[in-house]
Amino acid sequence: MRLDLHIHTTASDGSWSVRDVVTGAARGGLDVIAIADHDTTSAVHVAQEAGRAANVQVVPALEVSSTYQRRDVHVLGYFVDPGCDALVAHRERASRVREERMKAMIERLSSQGIEVTFEDVERVAGPERVNVGRPHLAKALVERGHASSVVGAFDTLIGDHRPAFVPTELLTPTEAVTLILEGEGIPIWAHPPADLLDALLPGMMDAGLGGLEVYRPSHRSGDVLRLEKLTRGKGLLRSGGSDWHTPDAGTELGDFYVTADEVEGLLAAGGM
């Protein structure tokens, strides 16, 4: 069984619609996927409906944004109740905060003589989006001729610690964990930075963190071994996924996958 438990759609900052993602997952040989859009579960029901037709099981999920010392910390929530009042309220607040953040980043770019408008970003994001994110801004910058590529826009202008970066200040990491628990889900720290583990892991575990995202395309074998050892020592679950947003990055759905053996604890905890 092939699984990818971290995929984005146009409901947040992915470039493919929900149905196209499910179709692409089936074409790529994936059996189980998690739609984990940023701060919204709006795509889950459509994805599950499409998944039944394509013989792809869709795990209801989302990726909750939080901030620690002006750094983004993301927590994946698996097997959530998509219609939970707490998650719906968070989605609505997140949409407002992300729009405010985007406008602040656009102002920072303008102060550097780089002109792009919020309307540009909205147009790039498309009609299905619930939240606007940096990938949308990056594409708008490319269209305006301010960057040669999305990667280049992040590297020079809007990536972490770059001149126009503004963090998404929605929740603290422990509040993100609590929110996912309120949504009846399993909180998993997404792509945990090595330099933040010692500072944040104890408090997040006290709040109810269930595990870590261990398996990713960008993780070297040493990263994986270190995180596997940490999860065993702490009694944490393991997850993995591609964090797929777009084929423009050079990968297709199914190029990366995890096996059921690698994430068996998480699947069992979710009733699979």
Protein backbone atom coordinates (compact mmCIF):
# COMPACT_ATOMS: atom_id res chain seq x y z
CA MET A 1 0.00 0.00 0.00
CA ARG A 2 1.34 3.41 -1.01
CA LEU A 3 0.44 6.49 1.03
CA ASP A 4 1.09 10.22 0.79
CA LEU A 5 -0.19 11.93 3.92
CA HIS A 6 0.63 15.55 3.07
CA ILE A 7 -0.93 17.02 -0.07
CA HIS A 8 -2.31 20.50 -0.83
CA THR A 9 -5.05 21.66 -3.21
CA THR A 10 -6.33 24.98 -4.51
CA ALA A 11 -8.34 25.32 -1.29
CA SER A 12 -5.07 26.65 0.18
CA ASP A 13 -1.86 27.06 -1.78
CA GLY A 14 -1.79 24.06 -4.10
CA SER A 15 -2.07 24.51 -7.86
CA TRP A 16 -4.48 21.64 -8.59
CA SER A 17 -8.18 21.41 -7.78
CA VAL A 18 -9.38 18.82 -5.30
CA ARG A 19 -10.64 16.45 -7.97
CA ASP A 20 -7.48 16.84 -10.04
CA VAL A 21 -5.38 15.97 -6.97
CA VAL A 22 -7.36 12.78 -6.38
CA THR A 23 -7.15 11.85 -10.06
CA GLY A 24 -3.40 12.54 -10.04
CA ALA A 25 -2.95 10.44 -6.92
CA ALA A 26 -4.73 7.51 -8.54
CA ARG A 27 -2.66 7.92 -11.69
CA GLY A 28 0.49 7.97 -9.57
CA GLY A 29 -0.37 4.67 -7.89
CA LEU A 30 -1.29 6.05 -4.47
CA ASP A 31 -3.79 4.09 -2.40
CA VAL A 32 -4.23 6.50 0.53
CA ILE A 33 -3.78 10.26 0.64
CA ALA A 34 -4.36 13.03 3.15
CA ILE A 35 -5.61 16.38 1.89
CA ALA A 36 -3.84 18.68 4.35
CA ASP A 37 -4.62 22.21 3.23
CA HIS A 38 -3.46 25.13 5.35
CA ASP A 39 -5.97 25.97 8.10
CA THR A 40 -8.99 24.58 6.27
CA THR A 41 -10.83 21.30 5.81
CA SER A 42 -13.05 22.70 3.06
CA ALA A 43 -11.70 20.29 0.43
CA VAL A 44 -12.10 17.10 2.43
CA HIS A 45 -15.67 16.07 1.56
CA VAL A 46 -15.19 16.65 -2.18
CA ALA A 47 -11.89 14.75 -2.04
CA GLN A 48 -13.50 11.79 -0.28
CA GLU A 49 -16.29 11.70 -2.84
CA ALA A 50 -13.76 11.79 -5.68
CA GLY A 51 -11.64 9.21 -3.87
CA ARG A 52 -14.47 6.70 -3.74
CA ALA A 53 -14.83 6.94 -7.52
CA ALA A 54 -11.06 6.67 -8.08
CA ASN A 55 -10.44 3.94 -5.48
CA VAL A 56 -8.23 6.25 -3.41
CA GLN A 57 -8.87 6.50 0.33
CA VAL A 58 -8.78 10.10 1.59
CA VAL A 59 -7.83 10.79 5.21
CA PRO A 60 -9.50 13.97 6.52
CA ALA A 61 -6.74 16.34 7.56
CA LEU A 62 -5.43 19.90 7.65
CA GLU A 63 -2.19 21.72 8.37
CA VAL A 64 -2.55 24.24 11.18
CA SER A 65 -0.31 27.31 11.14
CA SER A 66 1.36 28.55 14.29
CA THR A 67 4.29 30.82 15.17
CA TYR A 68 7.24 30.63 17.54
CA GLN A 69 9.63 33.58 17.75
CA ARG A 70 8.50 34.80 14.30
CA ARG A 71 9.04 31.38 12.76
CA ASP A 72 6.25 29.33 11.23
CA VAL A 73 5.57 26.02 12.97
CA HIS A 74 3.03 23.76 11.26
CA VAL A 75 1.04 20.98 12.88
CA LEU A 76 -0.80 18.39 10.82
CA GLY A 77 -4.14 17.15 12.10
CA TYR A 78 -5.15 13.67 10.92
CA PHE A 79 -8.55 11.96 11.09
CA VAL A 80 -10.23 15.22 12.11
CA ASP A 81 -13.94 15.95 11.98
CA PRO A 82 -14.03 18.42 9.06
CA GLY A 83 -17.23 20.06 10.27
CA CYS A 84 -16.13 20.53 13.88
CA ASP A 85 -17.15 23.98 15.17
CA ALA A 86 -13.62 24.72 16.40
CA LEU A 87 -12.08 23.95 12.99
CA VAL A 88 -14.71 25.97 11.11
CA ALA A 89 -14.13 28.97 13.39
CA HIS A 90 -10.37 28.62 12.92
CA ARG A 91 -10.79 28.47 9.13
CA GLU A 92 -12.75 31.72 9.13
CA ARG A 93 -10.26 33.51 11.37
CA ALA A 94 -7.30 32.14 9.44
CA SER A 95 -8.72 33.45 6.18
CA ARG A 96 -8.91 36.97 7.64
CA VAL A 97 -5.45 36.82 9.21
CA ARG A 98 -3.86 35.45 6.04
CA GLU A 99 -5.36 38.27 3.97
CA GLU A 100 -3.97 40.82 6.45
CA ARG A 101 -0.58 39.11 6.34
CA MET A 102 -0.59 39.10 2.54
CA LYS A 103 -1.34 42.82 2.41
CA ALA A 104 1.49 43.47 4.89
CA MET A 105 3.91 41.52 2.66
CA ILE A 106 2.74 43.46 -0.38
CA GLU A 107 3.40 46.71 1.51
CA ARG A 108 6.92 45.52 2.35
CA LEU A 109 7.55 44.70 -1.29
CA SER A 110 6.23 48.12 -2.34
CA SER A 111 8.62 49.84 0.07
CA GLN A 112 11.43 48.10 -1.85
CA GLY A 113 10.09 49.32 -5.19
CA ILE A 114 8.52 45.98 -6.09
CA GLU A 115 4.91 46.53 -7.15
CA VAL A 116 2.35 43.77 -6.96
CA THR A 117 -1.30 44.05 -5.87
CA PHE A 118 -3.59 41.99 -3.68
CA GLU A 119 -5.83 41.62 -6.73
CA ASP A 120 -2.90 40.00 -8.56
CA VAL A 121 -2.59 37.49 -5.73
CA GLU A 122 -6.34 36.78 -5.65
CA ARG A 123 -6.40 36.17 -9.40
CA VAL A 124 -3.49 33.73 -9.19
CA ALA A 125 -5.09 31.94 -6.22
CA GLY A 126 -8.28 31.30 -8.21
CA PRO A 127 -11.94 30.95 -7.25
CA GLU A 128 -11.60 27.75 -5.21
CA ARG A 129 -9.12 29.12 -2.70
CA VAL A 130 -10.09 29.58 0.95
CA ASN A 131 -6.77 31.08 2.04
CA VAL A 132 -4.08 33.05 0.25
CA GLY A 133 -0.48 32.04 0.81
CA ARG A 134 3.07 32.80 -0.20
CA PRO A 135 3.02 30.49 -3.27
CA HIS A 136 0.24 32.67 -4.69
CA LEU A 137 2.29 35.80 -4.05
CA ALA A 138 5.35 34.14 -5.59
CA LYS A 139 3.42 33.35 -8.78
CA ALA A 140 2.14 36.92 -8.94
CA LEU A 141 5.71 38.18 -8.59
CA VAL A 142 6.80 35.95 -11.46
CA GLU A 143 3.93 37.20 -13.63
CA ARG A 144 4.92 40.80 -12.85
CA GLY A 145 8.51 40.08 -13.82
CA HIS A 146 9.96 40.56 -10.34
CA ALA A 147 11.25 36.98 -10.09
CA SER A 148 12.27 34.37 -12.63
CA SER A 149 10.55 31.51 -10.79
CA VAL A 150 8.48 30.68 -7.73
CA VAL A 151 11.59 29.27 -6.06
CA GLY A 152 13.47 32.44 -6.93
CA ALA A 153 10.74 34.60 -5.41
CA PHE A 154 11.04 32.70 -2.13
CA ASP A 155 14.84 32.72 -2.19
CA THR A 156 15.17 36.45 -2.74
CA LEU A 157 12.00 38.14 -1.49
CA ILE A 158 9.39 36.25 0.52
CA GLY A 159 11.03 33.19 2.07
CA ASP A 160 11.65 32.96 5.80
CA HIS A 161 13.96 35.78 6.93
CA ARG A 162 13.77 37.45 3.51
CA PRO A 163 13.00 41.19 3.23
CA ALA A 164 9.23 40.90 2.67
CA PHE A 165 8.54 37.94 4.98
CA VAL A 166 5.75 38.30 7.53
CA PRO A 167 4.92 35.31 9.77
CA THR A 168 1.40 33.88 9.98
CA GLU A 169 0.62 34.80 13.57
CA LEU A 170 -2.47 32.73 14.25
CA LEU A 171 -1.67 30.42 17.17
CA THR A 172 1.18 29.19 19.29
CA PRO A 173 2.39 25.63 18.61
CA THR A 174 0.65 24.30 21.73
CA GLU A 175 -2.57 26.05 20.72
CA ALA A 176 -2.34 24.39 17.30
CA VAL A 177 -2.07 21.00 19.01
CA THR A 178 -5.07 21.81 21.21
CA LEU A 179 -7.14 22.90 18.21
CA ILE A 180 -6.54 19.60 16.43
CA LEU A 181 -7.53 17.67 19.54
CA GLU A 182 -10.72 19.74 19.71
CA GLY A 183 -11.32 18.65 16.13
CA GLU A 184 -11.03 15.00 17.25
CA GLY A 185 -7.80 14.59 15.31
CA ILE A 186 -4.26 13.36 15.88
CA PRO A 187 -1.69 16.20 15.99
CA ILE A 188 1.58 15.54 14.14
CA TRP A 189 4.35 18.14 13.95
CA ALA A 190 4.97 18.81 10.25
CA HIS A 191 8.56 19.01 8.96
CA PRO A 192 9.93 19.73 12.47
CA PRO A 193 13.07 21.91 12.28
CA ALA A 194 15.97 20.24 14.08
CA ASP A 195 16.90 23.45 15.89
CA LEU A 196 13.42 23.82 17.42
CA LEU A 197 12.89 20.27 18.65
CA ASP A 198 14.50 20.75 22.07
CA ALA A 199 12.72 24.04 22.68
CA LEU A 200 9.22 23.06 21.56
CA LEU A 201 8.79 19.30 21.78
CA PRO A 202 8.26 19.02 25.56
CA GLY A 203 5.52 21.64 25.64
CA MET A 204 3.83 20.32 22.53
CA MET A 205 3.85 16.80 23.97
CA ASP A 206 2.37 18.09 27.21
CA ALA A 207 -0.41 19.66 25.13
CA GLY A 208 -1.10 16.30 23.45
CA LEU A 209 1.16 16.11 20.38
CA GLY A 210 0.83 12.65 18.88
CA GLY A 211 3.85 12.39 16.63
CA LEU A 212 6.29 13.77 14.08
CA GLU A 213 6.42 13.90 10.31
CA VAL A 214 9.46 11.68 9.77
CA TYR A 215 9.36 10.77 6.08
CA ARG A 216 9.69 13.56 3.48
CA PRO A 217 11.39 13.84 0.09
CA SER A 218 13.79 16.44 1.50
CA HIS A 219 14.88 14.33 4.47
CA ARG A 220 18.25 12.67 4.14
CA SER A 221 18.76 9.18 5.57
CA GLY A 222 20.41 10.68 8.65
CA ASP A 223 17.40 12.93 9.26
CA VAL A 224 15.05 9.97 9.04
CA LEU A 225 17.11 7.81 11.39
CA ARG A 226 17.35 10.62 13.94
CA LEU A 227 13.60 11.27 13.88
CA GLU A 228 12.76 7.56 13.98
CA LYS A 229 14.95 7.18 17.07
CA LEU A 230 13.32 10.22 18.67
CA THR A 231 9.80 8.93 18.08
CA ARG A 232 10.68 5.53 19.52
CA GLY A 233 12.24 7.11 22.59
CA LYS A 234 9.32 9.46 23.18
CA GLY A 235 6.53 7.05 22.25
CA LEU A 236 5.42 9.24 19.34
CA LEU A 237 3.71 8.24 16.11
CA ARG A 238 5.38 8.64 12.71
CA SER A 239 3.92 10.16 9.58
CA GLY A 240 5.19 11.02 6.13
CA GLY A 241 4.23 12.78 2.94
CA SER A 242 5.44 14.78 -0.01
CA ASP A 243 4.03 18.19 1.01
CA TRP A 244 3.00 18.33 -2.65
CA HIS A 245 1.74 21.64 -4.04
CA THR A 246 2.38 21.66 -7.78
CA PRO A 247 3.97 19.70 -10.64
CA ASP A 248 5.89 22.89 -11.45
CA ALA A 249 8.34 21.83 -8.74
CA GLY A 250 9.34 18.87 -10.91
CA THR A 251 7.56 16.04 -9.13
CA GLU A 252 4.29 14.23 -9.72
CA LEU A 253 1.95 12.74 -7.16
CA GLY A 254 3.16 9.23 -6.44
CA ASP A 255 6.84 10.00 -6.98
CA PHE A 256 7.17 9.96 -3.19
CA TYR A 257 5.21 7.70 -0.90
CA VAL A 258 5.38 5.96 2.45
CA THR A 259 4.38 2.40 3.22
CA ALA A 260 1.82 1.20 5.73
CA ASP A 261 4.61 -0.35 7.80
CA GLU A 262 6.33 3.02 8.18
CA VAL A 263 3.20 4.76 9.52
CA GLU A 264 1.33 1.80 10.99
CA GLY A 265 0.97 3.41 14.42
CA LEU A 266 -0.73 6.48 12.98
CA LEU A 267 -3.05 4.39 10.82
CA ALA A 268 -4.01 2.23 13.79
CA ALA A 269 -4.66 5.31 15.94
CA GLY A 270 -6.95 6.61 13.19
CA GLY A 271 -8.87 3.36 12.97
CA MET A 272 -7.43 2.13 9.67
